[in-house]
Amino acid sequence: MTILSSWHWHFKIFLISIGHFGIFLKSLGLVGIFILSIVDAATIFVPIPIPAAVFVCMATMTINPVLILLVAAFGATLGEFSSYTVGRGGRLIAKKEKWKKMIKITEDAFEKYGKFPVIVLFAACPLLDDVIGLVCGFAKYSVKKYFLAILLGKLLINLIIVCVCFFGMHWILSYLHFSA
């Protein structure tokens, strides 16, 4: 058996196991994706071992991708309020002189570049979304505007994840002669 055919065989077994996990995920349904998205986004600077994106990716094989997109984005948006809340509460702690300067710089940057587009962009980047929540909380940014900006960013990143996974998994499965 050559290395390539061995790899091909192992990859098929891996896809079968993903399929079984997809069946389990389908039993959890959209509620499972919603809860997982909240938990994943609510962790501030401590990523959970298996991000929600992996589950969203696997779920595209068994659940309507449009529903997954909407549920995952809304759950992640609600989860991001944890960093906003910490930032808002941290403002009380940050009354010390050294923090006042940092908050002023952040508020000036928002004014110069525009708050809303910066928040949407940061929300769409997996590594920057916690930072923007803290900063928005510090700056007392409007909760309604923050919610809308985070929702748009999470819709964007989840749209990318769902499309790549949905079309990518279907392509891989058809290439390996599995039916999807």
C-alpha atoms as a PDB file:
ATOM      1  CA  MET A   1       0.000   0.000   0.000  1.00  0.00           C
ATOM      2  CA  THR A   2       1.480   3.356  -0.975  1.00  0.00           C
ATOM      3  CA  ILE A   3       1.564   6.357   1.283  1.00  0.00           C
ATOM      4  CA  LEU A   4      -1.018   8.159  -0.829  1.00  0.00           C
ATOM      5  CA  SER A   5      -3.513   5.291  -0.785  1.00  0.00           C
ATOM      6  CA  SER A   6      -2.934   4.847   2.963  1.00  0.00           C
ATOM      7  CA  TRP A   7      -3.612   8.553   3.491  1.00  0.00           C
ATOM      8  CA  HIS A   8      -6.702   8.290   1.285  1.00  0.00           C
ATOM      9  CA  TRP A   9      -8.009   5.385   3.381  1.00  0.00           C
ATOM     10  CA  HIS A  10      -7.385   7.186   6.689  1.00  0.00           C
ATOM     11  CA  PHE A  11      -9.058  10.317   5.374  1.00  0.00           C
ATOM     12  CA  LYS A  12     -12.153   8.303   4.393  1.00  0.00           C
ATOM     13  CA  ILE A  13     -12.325   6.839   7.906  1.00  0.00           C
ATOM     14  CA  PHE A  14     -11.964  10.339   9.338  1.00  0.00           C
ATOM     15  CA  LEU A  15     -14.844  11.595   7.165  1.00  0.00           C
ATOM     16  CA  ILE A  16     -17.023   8.671   8.254  1.00  0.00           C
ATOM     17  CA  SER A  17     -16.373   9.532  11.904  1.00  0.00           C
ATOM     18  CA  ILE A  18     -17.198  13.191  11.170  1.00  0.00           C
ATOM     19  CA  GLY A  19     -20.425  11.971   9.595  1.00  0.00           C
ATOM     20  CA  HIS A  20     -21.304  10.089  12.795  1.00  0.00           C
ATOM     21  CA  PHE A  21     -20.493  13.180  14.832  1.00  0.00           C
ATOM     22  CA  GLY A  22     -22.656  15.186  12.429  1.00  0.00           C
ATOM     23  CA  ILE A  23     -25.571  12.867  13.224  1.00  0.00           C
ATOM     24  CA  PHE A  24     -24.964  13.500  16.948  1.00  0.00           C
ATOM     25  CA  LEU A  25     -24.786  17.229  16.287  1.00  0.00           C
ATOM     26  CA  LYS A  26     -28.009  17.071  14.321  1.00  0.00           C
ATOM     27  CA  SER A  27     -29.661  15.529  17.386  1.00  0.00           C
ATOM     28  CA  LEU A  28     -28.584  18.620  19.352  1.00  0.00           C
ATOM     29  CA  GLY A  29     -29.805  20.735  16.474  1.00  0.00           C
ATOM     30  CA  LEU A  30     -29.794  24.467  16.256  1.00  0.00           C
ATOM     31  CA  VAL A  31     -30.162  24.807  20.032  1.00  0.00           C
ATOM     32  CA  GLY A  32     -26.802  23.055  20.468  1.00  0.00           C
ATOM     33  CA  ILE A  33     -25.134  25.356  17.947  1.00  0.00           C
ATOM     34  CA  PHE A  34     -26.716  28.395  19.617  1.00  0.00           C
ATOM     35  CA  ILE A  35     -25.497  27.419  23.108  1.00  0.00           C
ATOM     36  CA  LEU A  36     -22.041  26.476  21.833  1.00  0.00           C
ATOM     37  CA  SER A  37     -21.748  29.797  19.986  1.00  0.00           C
ATOM     38  CA  ILE A  38     -22.637  31.714  23.142  1.00  0.00           C
ATOM     39  CA  VAL A  39     -20.103  29.780  25.235  1.00  0.00           C
ATOM     40  CA  ASP A  40     -17.380  30.115  22.592  1.00  0.00           C
ATOM     41  CA  ALA A  41     -17.852  33.877  22.289  1.00  0.00           C
ATOM     42  CA  ALA A  42     -18.295  34.435  26.036  1.00  0.00           C
ATOM     43  CA  THR A  43     -14.797  33.227  26.879  1.00  0.00           C
ATOM     44  CA  ILE A  44     -12.607  36.288  27.182  1.00  0.00           C
ATOM     45  CA  PHE A  45      -9.029  35.647  26.040  1.00  0.00           C
ATOM     46  CA  VAL A  46      -9.409  31.938  26.876  1.00  0.00           C
ATOM     47  CA  PRO A  47     -10.438  29.991  23.794  1.00  0.00           C
ATOM     48  CA  ILE A  48     -12.346  26.803  24.428  1.00  0.00           C
ATOM     49  CA  PRO A  49     -10.618  23.638  23.136  1.00  0.00           C
ATOM     50  CA  ILE A  50     -12.957  23.087  20.189  1.00  0.00           C
ATOM     51  CA  PRO A  51     -14.274  26.358  18.790  1.00  0.00           C
ATOM     52  CA  ALA A  52     -17.842  26.680  17.632  1.00  0.00           C
ATOM     53  CA  ALA A  53     -16.568  27.023  14.054  1.00  0.00           C
ATOM     54  CA  VAL A  54     -15.667  23.314  13.999  1.00  0.00           C
ATOM     55  CA  PHE A  55     -19.181  22.336  15.057  1.00  0.00           C
ATOM     56  CA  VAL A  56     -20.737  24.801  12.654  1.00  0.00           C
ATOM     57  CA  CYS A  57     -18.609  23.285   9.903  1.00  0.00           C
ATOM     58  CA  MET A  58     -19.680  19.743  10.722  1.00  0.00           C
ATOM     59  CA  ALA A  59     -23.317  20.733  11.080  1.00  0.00           C
ATOM     60  CA  THR A  60     -23.439  22.057   7.502  1.00  0.00           C
ATOM     61  CA  MET A  61     -23.501  18.426   6.395  1.00  0.00           C
ATOM     62  CA  THR A  62     -26.806  17.713   8.159  1.00  0.00           C
ATOM     63  CA  ILE A  63     -28.595  20.995   8.986  1.00  0.00           C
ATOM     64  CA  ASN A  64     -29.744  23.827   6.706  1.00  0.00           C
ATOM     65  CA  PRO A  65     -26.676  26.105   6.292  1.00  0.00           C
ATOM     66  CA  VAL A  66     -28.750  29.316   6.296  1.00  0.00           C
ATOM     67  CA  LEU A  67     -30.271  28.444   9.668  1.00  0.00           C
ATOM     68  CA  ILE A  68     -26.827  27.538  11.007  1.00  0.00           C
ATOM     69  CA  LEU A  69     -25.500  30.912   9.853  1.00  0.00           C
ATOM     70  CA  LEU A  70     -28.250  32.871  11.584  1.00  0.00           C
ATOM     71  CA  VAL A  71     -28.249  30.865  14.822  1.00  0.00           C
ATOM     72  CA  ALA A  72     -24.443  30.778  15.180  1.00  0.00           C
ATOM     73  CA  ALA A  73     -24.128  34.514  14.472  1.00  0.00           C
ATOM     74  CA  PHE A  74     -26.859  35.451  16.937  1.00  0.00           C
ATOM     75  CA  GLY A  75     -25.433  33.165  19.641  1.00  0.00           C
ATOM     76  CA  ALA A  76     -21.921  34.545  19.146  1.00  0.00           C
ATOM     77  CA  THR A  77     -23.292  38.091  19.295  1.00  0.00           C
ATOM     78  CA  LEU A  78     -24.933  37.431  22.645  1.00  0.00           C
ATOM     79  CA  GLY A  79     -21.735  35.779  23.915  1.00  0.00           C
ATOM     80  CA  GLU A  80     -19.653  38.819  22.993  1.00  0.00           C
ATOM     81  CA  PHE A  81     -21.568  40.864  25.542  1.00  0.00           C
ATOM     82  CA  SER A  82     -19.403  39.255  28.231  1.00  0.00           C
ATOM     83  CA  SER A  83     -16.368  41.267  27.119  1.00  0.00           C
ATOM     84  CA  TYR A  84     -18.508  44.404  26.728  1.00  0.00           C
ATOM     85  CA  THR A  85     -19.805  43.963  30.285  1.00  0.00           C
ATOM     86  CA  VAL A  86     -16.296  43.450  31.668  1.00  0.00           C
ATOM     87  CA  GLY A  87     -15.162  46.580  29.843  1.00  0.00           C
ATOM     88  CA  ARG A  88     -18.129  48.561  31.142  1.00  0.00           C
ATOM     89  CA  GLY A  89     -17.504  47.436  34.712  1.00  0.00           C
ATOM     90  CA  GLY A  90     -13.774  47.897  34.297  1.00  0.00           C
ATOM     91  CA  ARG A  91     -14.330  51.577  33.695  1.00  0.00           C
ATOM     92  CA  LEU A  92     -14.954  51.938  37.425  1.00  0.00           C
ATOM     93  CA  ILE A  93     -11.589  50.344  38.151  1.00  0.00           C
ATOM     94  CA  ALA A  94      -9.917  52.353  35.407  1.00  0.00           C
ATOM     95  CA  LYS A  95     -10.404  55.711  37.063  1.00  0.00           C
ATOM     96  CA  LYS A  96      -6.730  55.601  37.946  1.00  0.00           C
ATOM     97  CA  GLU A  97      -4.613  58.118  36.032  1.00  0.00           C
ATOM     98  CA  LYS A  98      -2.668  55.514  33.974  1.00  0.00           C
ATOM     99  CA  TRP A  99      -5.876  54.056  32.532  1.00  0.00           C
ATOM    100  CA  LYS A 100      -7.510  57.386  31.749  1.00  0.00           C
ATOM    101  CA  LYS A 101      -4.905  58.051  29.074  1.00  0.00           C
ATOM    102  CA  MET A 102      -5.485  54.671  27.382  1.00  0.00           C
ATOM    103  CA  ILE A 103      -9.252  55.178  27.351  1.00  0.00           C
ATOM    104  CA  LYS A 104      -8.803  58.668  25.884  1.00  0.00           C
ATOM    105  CA  ILE A 105      -6.574  57.296  23.092  1.00  0.00           C
ATOM    106  CA  THR A 106      -9.156  54.607  22.291  1.00  0.00           C
ATOM    107  CA  GLU A 107     -12.016  57.078  22.236  1.00  0.00           C
ATOM    108  CA  ASP A 108     -10.001  59.389  19.956  1.00  0.00           C
ATOM    109  CA  ALA A 109      -9.269  56.508  17.549  1.00  0.00           C
ATOM    110  CA  PHE A 110     -12.963  55.686  17.384  1.00  0.00           C
ATOM    111  CA  GLU A 111     -13.759  59.290  16.554  1.00  0.00           C
ATOM    112  CA  LYS A 112     -11.058  59.480  13.902  1.00  0.00           C
ATOM    113  CA  TYR A 113     -11.817  56.204  12.056  1.00  0.00           C
ATOM    114  CA  GLY A 114     -15.461  55.644  12.925  1.00  0.00           C
ATOM    115  CA  LYS A 115     -16.675  53.296  15.599  1.00  0.00           C
ATOM    116  CA  PHE A 116     -19.164  51.193  13.705  1.00  0.00           C
ATOM    117  CA  PRO A 117     -16.930  49.939  10.843  1.00  0.00           C
ATOM    118  CA  VAL A 118     -14.069  49.215  13.240  1.00  0.00           C
ATOM    119  CA  ILE A 119     -16.359  47.174  15.501  1.00  0.00           C
ATOM    120  CA  VAL A 120     -17.779  45.184  12.555  1.00  0.00           C
ATOM    121  CA  LEU A 121     -14.277  44.411  11.301  1.00  0.00           C
ATOM    122  CA  PHE A 122     -13.020  43.366  14.738  1.00  0.00           C
ATOM    123  CA  ALA A 123     -16.115  41.199  15.311  1.00  0.00           C
ATOM    124  CA  ALA A 124     -15.393  39.347  12.070  1.00  0.00           C
ATOM    125  CA  CYS A 125     -11.835  38.541  13.220  1.00  0.00           C
ATOM    126  CA  PRO A 126     -11.723  35.641  15.675  1.00  0.00           C
ATOM    127  CA  LEU A 127      -8.739  36.965  17.621  1.00  0.00           C
ATOM    128  CA  LEU A 128      -9.838  40.583  17.948  1.00  0.00           C
ATOM    129  CA  ASP A 129     -13.471  40.308  18.985  1.00  0.00           C
ATOM    130  CA  ASP A 130     -12.777  40.213  22.738  1.00  0.00           C
ATOM    131  CA  VAL A 131     -10.609  43.312  22.541  1.00  0.00           C
ATOM    132  CA  ILE A 132     -13.263  45.390  20.831  1.00  0.00           C
ATOM    133  CA  GLY A 133     -15.847  44.383  23.431  1.00  0.00           C
ATOM    134  CA  LEU A 134     -13.609  45.550  26.248  1.00  0.00           C
ATOM    135  CA  VAL A 135     -12.850  48.820  24.483  1.00  0.00           C
ATOM    136  CA  CYS A 136     -16.510  49.484  23.666  1.00  0.00           C
ATOM    137  CA  GLY A 137     -17.464  48.835  27.279  1.00  0.00           C
ATOM    138  CA  PHE A 138     -14.727  51.195  28.470  1.00  0.00           C
ATOM    139  CA  ALA A 139     -15.856  53.858  26.012  1.00  0.00           C
ATOM    140  CA  LYS A 140     -19.543  53.458  27.004  1.00  0.00           C
ATOM    141  CA  TYR A 141     -20.449  52.782  23.374  1.00  0.00           C
ATOM    142  CA  SER A 142     -24.183  52.431  22.741  1.00  0.00           C
ATOM    143  CA  VAL A 143     -25.412  48.906  23.507  1.00  0.00           C
ATOM    144  CA  LYS A 144     -27.781  48.930  20.509  1.00  0.00           C
ATOM    145  CA  LYS A 145     -25.063  50.021  18.081  1.00  0.00           C
ATOM    146  CA  TYR A 146     -22.613  47.542  19.617  1.00  0.00           C
ATOM    147  CA  PHE A 147     -25.152  44.720  19.208  1.00  0.00           C
ATOM    148  CA  LEU A 148     -25.808  45.612  15.559  1.00  0.00           C
ATOM    149  CA  ALA A 149     -22.094  45.967  14.713  1.00  0.00           C
ATOM    150  CA  ILE A 150     -21.170  42.679  16.427  1.00  0.00           C
ATOM    151  CA  LEU A 151     -24.098  40.907  14.748  1.00  0.00           C
ATOM    152  CA  LEU A 152     -22.954  42.103  11.308  1.00  0.00           C
ATOM    153  CA  GLY A 153     -19.367  41.012  12.013  1.00  0.00           C
ATOM    154  CA  LYS A 154     -20.495  37.606  13.288  1.00  0.00           C
ATOM    155  CA  LEU A 155     -22.774  37.162  10.274  1.00  0.00           C
ATOM    156  CA  LEU A 156     -19.794  37.878   8.029  1.00  0.00           C
ATOM    157  CA  ILE A 157     -17.388  35.437   9.718  1.00  0.00           C
ATOM    158  CA  ASN A 158     -20.048  32.730  10.022  1.00  0.00           C
ATOM    159  CA  LEU A 159     -21.043  33.218   6.376  1.00  0.00           C
ATOM    160  CA  ILE A 160     -17.446  32.545   5.392  1.00  0.00           C
ATOM    161  CA  ILE A 161     -17.236  29.480   7.677  1.00  0.00           C
ATOM    162  CA  VAL A 162     -20.563  28.044   6.496  1.00  0.00           C
ATOM    163  CA  CYS A 163     -19.809  28.582   2.794  1.00  0.00           C
ATOM    164  CA  VAL A 164     -16.314  27.129   2.996  1.00  0.00           C
ATOM    165  CA  CYS A 165     -17.512  24.146   4.997  1.00  0.00           C
ATOM    166  CA  PHE A 166     -20.702  23.495   3.054  1.00  0.00           C
ATOM    167  CA  PHE A 167     -19.183  23.705  -0.409  1.00  0.00           C
ATOM    168  CA  GLY A 168     -15.802  22.349   0.684  1.00  0.00           C
ATOM    169  CA  MET A 169     -17.209  19.260   2.422  1.00  0.00           C
ATOM    170  CA  HIS A 170     -19.515  18.511  -0.498  1.00  0.00           C
ATOM    171  CA  TRP A 171     -16.578  18.800  -2.881  1.00  0.00           C
ATOM    172  CA  ILE A 172     -14.354  16.544  -0.739  1.00  0.00           C
ATOM    173  CA  LEU A 173     -17.104  13.953  -0.298  1.00  0.00           C
ATOM    174  CA  SER A 174     -17.852  13.900  -4.036  1.00  0.00           C
ATOM    175  CA  TYR A 175     -14.128  13.636  -4.795  1.00  0.00           C
ATOM    176  CA  LEU A 176     -13.857  10.598  -2.514  1.00  0.00           C
ATOM    177  CA  HIS A 177     -17.073   9.162  -3.999  1.00  0.00           C
ATOM    178  CA  PHE A 178     -19.227   9.541  -0.885  1.00  0.00           C
ATOM    179  CA  SER A 179     -22.796  10.693  -1.182  1.00  0.00           C
ATOM    180  CA  ALA A 180     -23.544  13.869   0.753  1.00  0.00           C
END
